[in-house]
PDB file of N, CA and C in Angstrom:
ATOM      1  N   UNK A   1       0.849  -1.172   0.000  1.00  0.00           N
ATOM      2  CA  UNK A   1       0.000   0.000   0.000  1.00  0.00           C
ATOM      3  C   UNK A   1       0.898   1.241   0.000  1.00  0.00           C
ATOM      4  N   UNK A   2       0.653   2.142  -0.921  1.00  0.00           N
ATOM      5  CA  UNK A   2       1.459   3.355  -1.028  1.00  0.00           C
ATOM      6  C   UNK A   2       0.737   4.501  -0.328  1.00  0.00           C
ATOM      7  N   UNK A   3       1.432   5.183   0.596  1.00  0.00           N
ATOM      8  CA  UNK A   3       0.892   6.358   1.278  1.00  0.00           C
ATOM      9  C   UNK A   3       1.862   7.509   1.093  1.00  0.00           C
ATOM     10  N   UNK A   4       1.339   8.656   0.764  1.00  0.00           N
ATOM     11  CA  UNK A   4       2.154   9.857   0.660  1.00  0.00           C
ATOM     12  C   UNK A   4       1.411  10.983   1.354  1.00  0.00           C
ATOM     13  N   UNK A   5       2.105  11.688   2.216  1.00  0.00           N
ATOM     14  CA  UNK A   5       1.499  12.792   2.934  1.00  0.00           C
ATOM     15  C   UNK A   5       2.112  14.105   2.482  1.00  0.00           C
ATOM     16  N   UNK A   6       1.262  15.071   2.292  1.00  0.00           N
ATOM     17  CA  UNK A   6       1.681  16.391   1.851  1.00  0.00           C
ATOM     18  C   UNK A   6       1.156  17.382   2.877  1.00  0.00           C
ATOM     19  N   UNK A   7       2.006  18.266   3.356  1.00  0.00           N
ATOM     20  CA  UNK A   7       1.559  19.216   4.374  1.00  0.00           C
ATOM     21  C   UNK A   7       2.280  20.541   4.190  1.00  0.00           C
ATOM     22  N   UNK A   8       1.529  21.596   4.193  1.00  0.00           N
ATOM     23  CA  UNK A   8       2.086  22.941   4.119  1.00  0.00           C
ATOM     24  C   UNK A   8       1.170  23.864   4.907  1.00  0.00           C
ATOM     25  N   UNK A   9       1.637  24.370   6.017  1.00  0.00           N
ATOM     26  CA  UNK A   9       0.827  25.241   6.863  1.00  0.00           C
ATOM     27  C   UNK A   9       1.428  26.647   6.816  1.00  0.00           C
ATOM     28  N   UNK A  10       1.289  27.292   5.664  1.00  0.00           N
ATOM     29  CA  UNK A  10       1.904  28.598   5.460  1.00  0.00           C
ATOM     30  C   UNK A  10       1.103  29.752   6.056  1.00  0.00           C
ATOM     31  N   UNK A  11      -0.202  29.526   6.258  1.00  0.00           N
ATOM     32  CA  UNK A  11      -1.037  30.583   6.815  1.00  0.00           C
ATOM     33  C   UNK A  11      -1.795  30.049   8.019  1.00  0.00           C
ATOM     34  N   UNK A  12      -1.918  30.855   9.049  1.00  0.00           N
ATOM     35  CA  UNK A  12      -2.645  30.462  10.248  1.00  0.00           C
ATOM     36  C   UNK A  12      -4.095  30.915  10.138  1.00  0.00           C
ATOM     37  N   UNK A  13      -5.012  30.036  10.455  1.00  0.00           N
ATOM     38  CA  UNK A  13      -6.437  30.349  10.475  1.00  0.00           C
ATOM     39  C   UNK A  13      -6.979  29.865  11.818  1.00  0.00           C
ATOM     40  N   UNK A  14      -7.517  30.751  12.670  1.00  0.00           N
ATOM     41  CA  UNK A  14      -7.990  30.321  13.989  1.00  0.00           C
ATOM     42  C   UNK A  14      -9.222  29.409  13.933  1.00  0.00           C
ATOM     43  N   UNK A  15      -9.884  29.298  12.788  1.00  0.00           N
ATOM     44  CA  UNK A  15     -11.101  28.491  12.668  1.00  0.00           C
ATOM     45  C   UNK A  15     -10.860  27.145  12.000  1.00  0.00           C
ATOM     46  N   UNK A  16      -9.724  26.997  11.354  1.00  0.00           N
ATOM     47  CA  UNK A  16      -9.418  25.758  10.640  1.00  0.00           C
ATOM     48  C   UNK A  16      -7.938  25.453  10.821  1.00  0.00           C
ATOM     49  N   UNK A  17      -7.667  24.271  11.353  1.00  0.00           N
ATOM     50  CA  UNK A  17      -6.276  23.879  11.564  1.00  0.00           C
ATOM     51  C   UNK A  17      -6.039  22.557  10.865  1.00  0.00           C
ATOM     52  N   UNK A  18      -5.229  22.573   9.840  1.00  0.00           N
ATOM     53  CA  UNK A  18      -4.907  21.378   9.081  1.00  0.00           C
ATOM     54  C   UNK A  18      -3.769  20.646   9.772  1.00  0.00           C
ATOM     55  N   UNK A  19      -4.011  19.385  10.152  1.00  0.00           N
ATOM     56  CA  UNK A  19      -2.968  18.615  10.825  1.00  0.00           C
ATOM     57  C   UNK A  19      -2.239  17.691   9.871  1.00  0.00           C
ATOM     58  N   UNK A  20      -2.882  17.256   8.801  1.00  0.00           N
ATOM     59  CA  UNK A  20      -2.204  16.419   7.815  1.00  0.00           C
ATOM     60  C   UNK A  20      -2.993  16.407   6.526  1.00  0.00           C
ATOM     61  N   UNK A  21      -2.361  15.969   5.485  1.00  0.00           N
ATOM     62  CA  UNK A  21      -3.009  15.830   4.188  1.00  0.00           C
ATOM     63  C   UNK A  21      -2.189  14.872   3.359  1.00  0.00           C
ATOM     64  N   UNK A  22      -2.802  14.259   2.396  1.00  0.00           N
ATOM     65  CA  UNK A  22      -2.048  13.337   1.571  1.00  0.00           C
ATOM     66  C   UNK A  22      -2.954  12.482   0.712  1.00  0.00           C
ATOM     67  N   UNK A  23      -2.378  11.396   0.214  1.00  0.00           N
ATOM     68  CA  UNK A  23      -3.170  10.477  -0.593  1.00  0.00           C
ATOM     69  C   UNK A  23      -2.698   9.062  -0.318  1.00  0.00           C
ATOM     70  N   UNK A  24      -3.570   8.106  -0.603  1.00  0.00           N
ATOM     71  CA  UNK A  24      -3.267   6.715  -0.346  1.00  0.00           C
ATOM     72  C   UNK A  24      -3.848   5.854  -1.452  1.00  0.00           C
ATOM     73  N   UNK A  25      -3.036   4.998  -2.017  1.00  0.00           N
ATOM     74  CA  UNK A  25      -3.491   4.028  -3.008  1.00  0.00           C
ATOM     75  C   UNK A  25      -3.789   2.736  -2.248  1.00  0.00           C
ATOM     76  N   UNK A  26      -5.047   2.426  -2.058  1.00  0.00           N
ATOM     77  CA  UNK A  26      -5.425   1.268  -1.252  1.00  0.00           C
ATOM     78  C   UNK A  26      -5.640   0.032  -2.117  1.00  0.00           C
ATOM     79  N   UNK A  27      -5.612  -1.118  -1.476  1.00  0.00           N
ATOM     80  CA  UNK A  27      -5.884  -2.378  -2.151  1.00  0.00           C
ATOM     81  C   UNK A  27      -7.390  -2.552  -2.298  1.00  0.00           C
ATOM     82  N   UNK A  28      -7.857  -3.387  -3.220  1.00  0.00           N
ATOM     83  CA  UNK A  28      -9.296  -3.587  -3.403  1.00  0.00           C
ATOM     84  C   UNK A  28     -10.030  -4.059  -2.147  1.00  0.00           C
ATOM     85  N   UNK A  29      -9.361  -4.734  -1.230  1.00  0.00           N
ATOM     86  CA  UNK A  29     -10.029  -5.235  -0.021  1.00  0.00           C
ATOM     87  C   UNK A  29      -9.788  -4.348   1.196  1.00  0.00           C
ATOM     88  N   UNK A  30      -9.333  -3.115   1.003  1.00  0.00           N
ATOM     89  CA  UNK A  30      -8.994  -2.215   2.110  1.00  0.00           C
ATOM     90  C   UNK A  30     -10.197  -1.957   3.016  1.00  0.00           C
ATOM     91  N   UNK A  31      -9.971  -2.029   4.331  1.00  0.00           N
ATOM     92  CA  UNK A  31     -10.995  -1.697   5.325  1.00  0.00           C
ATOM     93  C   UNK A  31     -10.354  -0.912   6.453  1.00  0.00           C
ATOM     94  N   UNK A  32     -11.153  -0.085   7.110  1.00  0.00           N
ATOM     95  CA  UNK A  32     -10.698   0.636   8.298  1.00  0.00           C
ATOM     96  C   UNK A  32     -11.845   0.686   9.284  1.00  0.00           C
ATOM     97  N   UNK A  33     -11.602   0.246  10.496  1.00  0.00           N
ATOM     98  CA  UNK A  33     -12.621   0.359  11.535  1.00  0.00           C
ATOM     99  C   UNK A  33     -13.451  -0.884  11.717  1.00  0.00           C
ATOM    100  N   UNK A  34     -14.504  -0.768  12.486  1.00  0.00           N
ATOM    101  CA  UNK A  34     -15.031   0.509  13.001  1.00  0.00           C
ATOM    102  C   UNK A  34     -14.144   1.093  14.094  1.00  0.00           C
ATOM    103  N   UNK A  35     -13.783   2.331  13.921  1.00  0.00           N
ATOM    104  CA  UNK A  35     -12.922   3.038  14.855  1.00  0.00           C
ATOM    105  C   UNK A  35     -13.118   4.530  14.650  1.00  0.00           C
ATOM    106  N   UNK A  36     -13.293   5.264  15.733  1.00  0.00           N
ATOM    107  CA  UNK A  36     -13.446   6.710  15.641  1.00  0.00           C
ATOM    108  C   UNK A  36     -12.106   7.386  15.379  1.00  0.00           C
ATOM    109  N   UNK A  37     -12.115   8.442  14.628  1.00  0.00           N
ATOM    110  CA  UNK A  37     -10.904   9.219  14.316  1.00  0.00           C
ATOM    111  C   UNK A  37     -10.747  10.337  15.343  1.00  0.00           C
ATOM    112  N   UNK A  38      -9.552  10.887  15.439  1.00  0.00           N
ATOM    113  CA  UNK A  38      -9.286  11.931  16.432  1.00  0.00           C
ATOM    114  C   UNK A  38      -9.718  13.316  15.963  1.00  0.00           C
ATOM    115  N   UNK A  39      -9.882  13.505  14.666  1.00  0.00           N
ATOM    116  CA  UNK A  39     -10.258  14.820  14.148  1.00  0.00           C
ATOM    117  C   UNK A  39     -11.198  14.696  12.976  1.00  0.00           C
ATOM    118  N   UNK A  40     -11.585  15.826  12.427  1.00  0.00           N
ATOM    119  CA  UNK A  40     -12.441  15.843  11.241  1.00  0.00           C
ATOM    120  C   UNK A  40     -11.633  15.359  10.040  1.00  0.00           C
ATOM    121  N   UNK A  41     -12.284  14.616   9.157  1.00  0.00           N
ATOM    122  CA  UNK A  41     -11.600  14.112   7.965  1.00  0.00           C
ATOM    123  C   UNK A  41     -12.469  14.345   6.737  1.00  0.00           C
ATOM    124  N   UNK A  42     -11.829  14.729   5.667  1.00  0.00           N
ATOM    125  CA  UNK A  42     -12.496  14.893   4.379  1.00  0.00           C
ATOM    126  C   UNK A  42     -11.748  14.014   3.385  1.00  0.00           C
ATOM    127  N   UNK A  43     -12.465  13.067   2.794  1.00  0.00           N
ATOM    128  CA  UNK A  43     -11.868  12.150   1.821  1.00  0.00           C
ATOM    129  C   UNK A  43     -12.460  12.428   0.444  1.00  0.00           C
ATOM    130  N   UNK A  44     -11.616  12.359  -0.563  1.00  0.00           N
ATOM    131  CA  UNK A  44     -12.030  12.490  -1.948  1.00  0.00           C
ATOM    132  C   UNK A  44     -11.650  11.199  -2.668  1.00  0.00           C
ATOM    133  N   UNK A  45     -12.587  10.614  -3.390  1.00  0.00           N
ATOM    134  CA  UNK A  45     -12.328   9.395  -4.141  1.00  0.00           C
ATOM    135  C   UNK A  45     -11.857   9.806  -5.534  1.00  0.00           C
ATOM    136  N   UNK A  46     -10.565   9.608  -5.806  1.00  0.00           N
ATOM    137  CA  UNK A  46     -10.010  10.028  -7.094  1.00  0.00           C
ATOM    138  C   UNK A  46     -10.070   8.923  -8.139  1.00  0.00           C
ATOM    139  N   UNK A  47     -10.247   7.680  -7.668  1.00  0.00           N
ATOM    140  CA  UNK A  47     -10.295   6.568  -8.605  1.00  0.00           C
ATOM    141  C   UNK A  47     -10.922   5.365  -7.904  1.00  0.00           C
ATOM    142  N   UNK A  48     -11.668   4.580  -8.624  1.00  0.00           N
ATOM    143  CA  UNK A  48     -12.251   3.364  -8.064  1.00  0.00           C
ATOM    144  C   UNK A  48     -13.602   3.596  -7.416  1.00  0.00           C
ATOM    145  N   UNK A  49     -13.975   2.673  -6.542  1.00  0.00           N
ATOM    146  CA  UNK A  49     -15.261   2.754  -5.858  1.00  0.00           C
ATOM    147  C   UNK A  49     -15.167   1.988  -4.554  1.00  0.00           C
ATOM    148  N   UNK A  50     -16.148   2.182  -3.685  1.00  0.00           N
ATOM    149  CA  UNK A  50     -16.151   1.491  -2.408  1.00  0.00           C
ATOM    150  C   UNK A  50     -17.413   1.778  -1.633  1.00  0.00           C
ATOM    151  N   UNK A  51     -17.436   1.294  -0.409  1.00  0.00           N
ATOM    152  CA  UNK A  51     -18.592   1.441   0.471  1.00  0.00           C
ATOM    153  C   UNK A  51     -18.157   2.137   1.744  1.00  0.00           C
ATOM    154  N   UNK A  52     -18.929   3.119   2.184  1.00  0.00           N
ATOM    155  CA  UNK A  52     -18.700   3.842   3.431  1.00  0.00           C
ATOM    156  C   UNK A  52     -19.938   3.657   4.286  1.00  0.00           C
ATOM    157  N   UNK A  53     -19.755   3.176   5.516  1.00  0.00           N
ATOM    158  CA  UNK A  53     -20.885   2.929   6.415  1.00  0.00           C
ATOM    159  C   UNK A  53     -20.723   3.796   7.650  1.00  0.00           C
ATOM    160  N   UNK A  54     -21.764   4.577   7.990  1.00  0.00           N
ATOM    161  CA  UNK A  54     -21.777   5.423   9.171  1.00  0.00           C
ATOM    162  C   UNK A  54     -23.214   5.529   9.672  1.00  0.00           C
ATOM    163  N   UNK A  55     -23.393   5.403  10.986  1.00  0.00           N
ATOM    164  CA  UNK A  55     -24.736   5.451  11.596  1.00  0.00           C
ATOM    165  C   UNK A  55     -25.686   4.453  10.944  1.00  0.00           C
ATOM    166  N   UNK A  56     -25.179   3.265  10.623  1.00  0.00           N
ATOM    167  CA  UNK A  56     -25.959   2.191   9.991  1.00  0.00           C
ATOM    168  C   UNK A  56     -26.529   2.574   8.625  1.00  0.00           C
ATOM    169  N   UNK A  57     -25.936   3.571   7.981  1.00  0.00           N
ATOM    170  CA  UNK A  57     -26.321   3.957   6.626  1.00  0.00           C
ATOM    171  C   UNK A  57     -25.160   3.615   5.707  1.00  0.00           C
ATOM    172  N   UNK A  58     -25.442   2.933   4.606  1.00  0.00           N
ATOM    173  CA  UNK A  58     -24.421   2.532   3.647  1.00  0.00           C
ATOM    174  C   UNK A  58     -24.409   3.503   2.473  1.00  0.00           C
ATOM    175  N   UNK A  59     -23.241   4.031   2.177  1.00  0.00           N
ATOM    176  CA  UNK A  59     -23.041   4.942   1.048  1.00  0.00           C
ATOM    177  C   UNK A  59     -22.168   4.236   0.023  1.00  0.00           C
ATOM    178  N   UNK A  60     -22.596   4.194  -1.207  1.00  0.00           N
ATOM    179  CA  UNK A  60     -21.811   3.602  -2.286  1.00  0.00           C
ATOM    180  C   UNK A  60     -21.030   4.722  -2.949  1.00  0.00           C
ATOM    181  N   UNK A  61     -19.721   4.711  -2.740  1.00  0.00           N
ATOM    182  CA  UNK A  61     -18.850   5.792  -3.186  1.00  0.00           C
ATOM    183  C   UNK A  61     -18.208   5.425  -4.516  1.00  0.00           C
ATOM    184  N   UNK A  62     -17.928   6.464  -5.318  1.00  0.00           N
ATOM    185  CA  UNK A  62     -17.283   6.256  -6.612  1.00  0.00           C
ATOM    186  C   UNK A  62     -16.371   7.448  -6.907  1.00  0.00           C
ATOM    187  N   UNK A  63     -15.630   7.325  -7.971  1.00  0.00           N
ATOM    188  CA  UNK A  63     -14.722   8.393  -8.393  1.00  0.00           C
ATOM    189  C   UNK A  63     -15.457   9.731  -8.429  1.00  0.00           C
ATOM    190  N   UNK A  64     -14.857  10.759  -7.825  1.00  0.00           N
ATOM    191  CA  UNK A  64     -15.440  12.099  -7.815  1.00  0.00           C
ATOM    192  C   UNK A  64     -16.247  12.414  -6.560  1.00  0.00           C
ATOM    193  N   UNK A  65     -16.506  11.420  -5.707  1.00  0.00           N
ATOM    194  CA  UNK A  65     -17.276  11.635  -4.478  1.00  0.00           C
ATOM    195  C   UNK A  65     -16.378  12.088  -3.331  1.00  0.00           C
ATOM    196  N   UNK A  66     -16.976  12.815  -2.387  1.00  0.00           N
ATOM    197  CA  UNK A  66     -16.333  13.203  -1.130  1.00  0.00           C
ATOM    198  C   UNK A  66     -17.063  12.529   0.016  1.00  0.00           C
ATOM    199  N   UNK A  67     -16.357  12.266   1.109  1.00  0.00           N
ATOM    200  CA  UNK A  67     -17.016  11.863   2.348  1.00  0.00           C
ATOM    201  C   UNK A  67     -16.390  12.642   3.490  1.00  0.00           C
ATOM    202  N   UNK A  68     -17.218  13.003   4.437  1.00  0.00           N
ATOM    203  CA  UNK A  68     -16.831  13.820   5.587  1.00  0.00           C
ATOM    204  C   UNK A  68     -17.035  12.966   6.834  1.00  0.00           C
ATOM    205  N   UNK A  69     -16.016  12.900   7.667  1.00  0.00           N
ATOM    206  CA  UNK A  69     -16.082  12.092   8.887  1.00  0.00           C
ATOM    207  C   UNK A  69     -15.838  12.999  10.094  1.00  0.00           C
ATOM    208  N   UNK A  70     -16.734  12.936  11.075  1.00  0.00           N
ATOM    209  CA  UNK A  70     -16.607  13.713  12.293  1.00  0.00           C
ATOM    210  C   UNK A  70     -15.745  12.978  13.317  1.00  0.00           C
ATOM    211  N   UNK A  71     -15.119  13.704  14.248  1.00  0.00           N
ATOM    212  CA  UNK A  71     -14.286  13.059  15.257  1.00  0.00           C
ATOM    213  C   UNK A  71     -15.089  12.064  16.112  1.00  0.00           C
ATOM    214  N   UNK A  72     -14.443  10.958  16.450  1.00  0.00           N
ATOM    215  CA  UNK A  72     -14.988   9.921  17.332  1.00  0.00           C
ATOM    216  C   UNK A  72     -16.223   9.231  16.798  1.00  0.00           C
ATOM    217  N   UNK A  73     -16.614   9.476  15.558  1.00  0.00           N
ATOM    218  CA  UNK A  73     -17.782   8.843  14.968  1.00  0.00           C
ATOM    219  C   UNK A  73     -17.334   7.584  14.230  1.00  0.00           C
ATOM    220  N   UNK A  74     -18.070   6.499  14.428  1.00  0.00           N
ATOM    221  CA  UNK A  74     -17.709   5.231  13.785  1.00  0.00           C
ATOM    222  C   UNK A  74     -18.148   5.240  12.334  1.00  0.00           C
TER     223      UNK A  74
END
């Protein structure tokens, strides 16, 4: 699995603090969780498709979709 992180915090914003950023090429069987994250996360699907489950709702994700994850939410 290839992971690359990109981070540049050139400007300070008191309302938004970016802690990390990057991209990951996952395998077709990739899974994460159920586990809550420590911060807010925004994911963009640049290629492929998958399933995202939150609050017992299943979302079928595909290229071009975004998903937003709140802290500590499974």
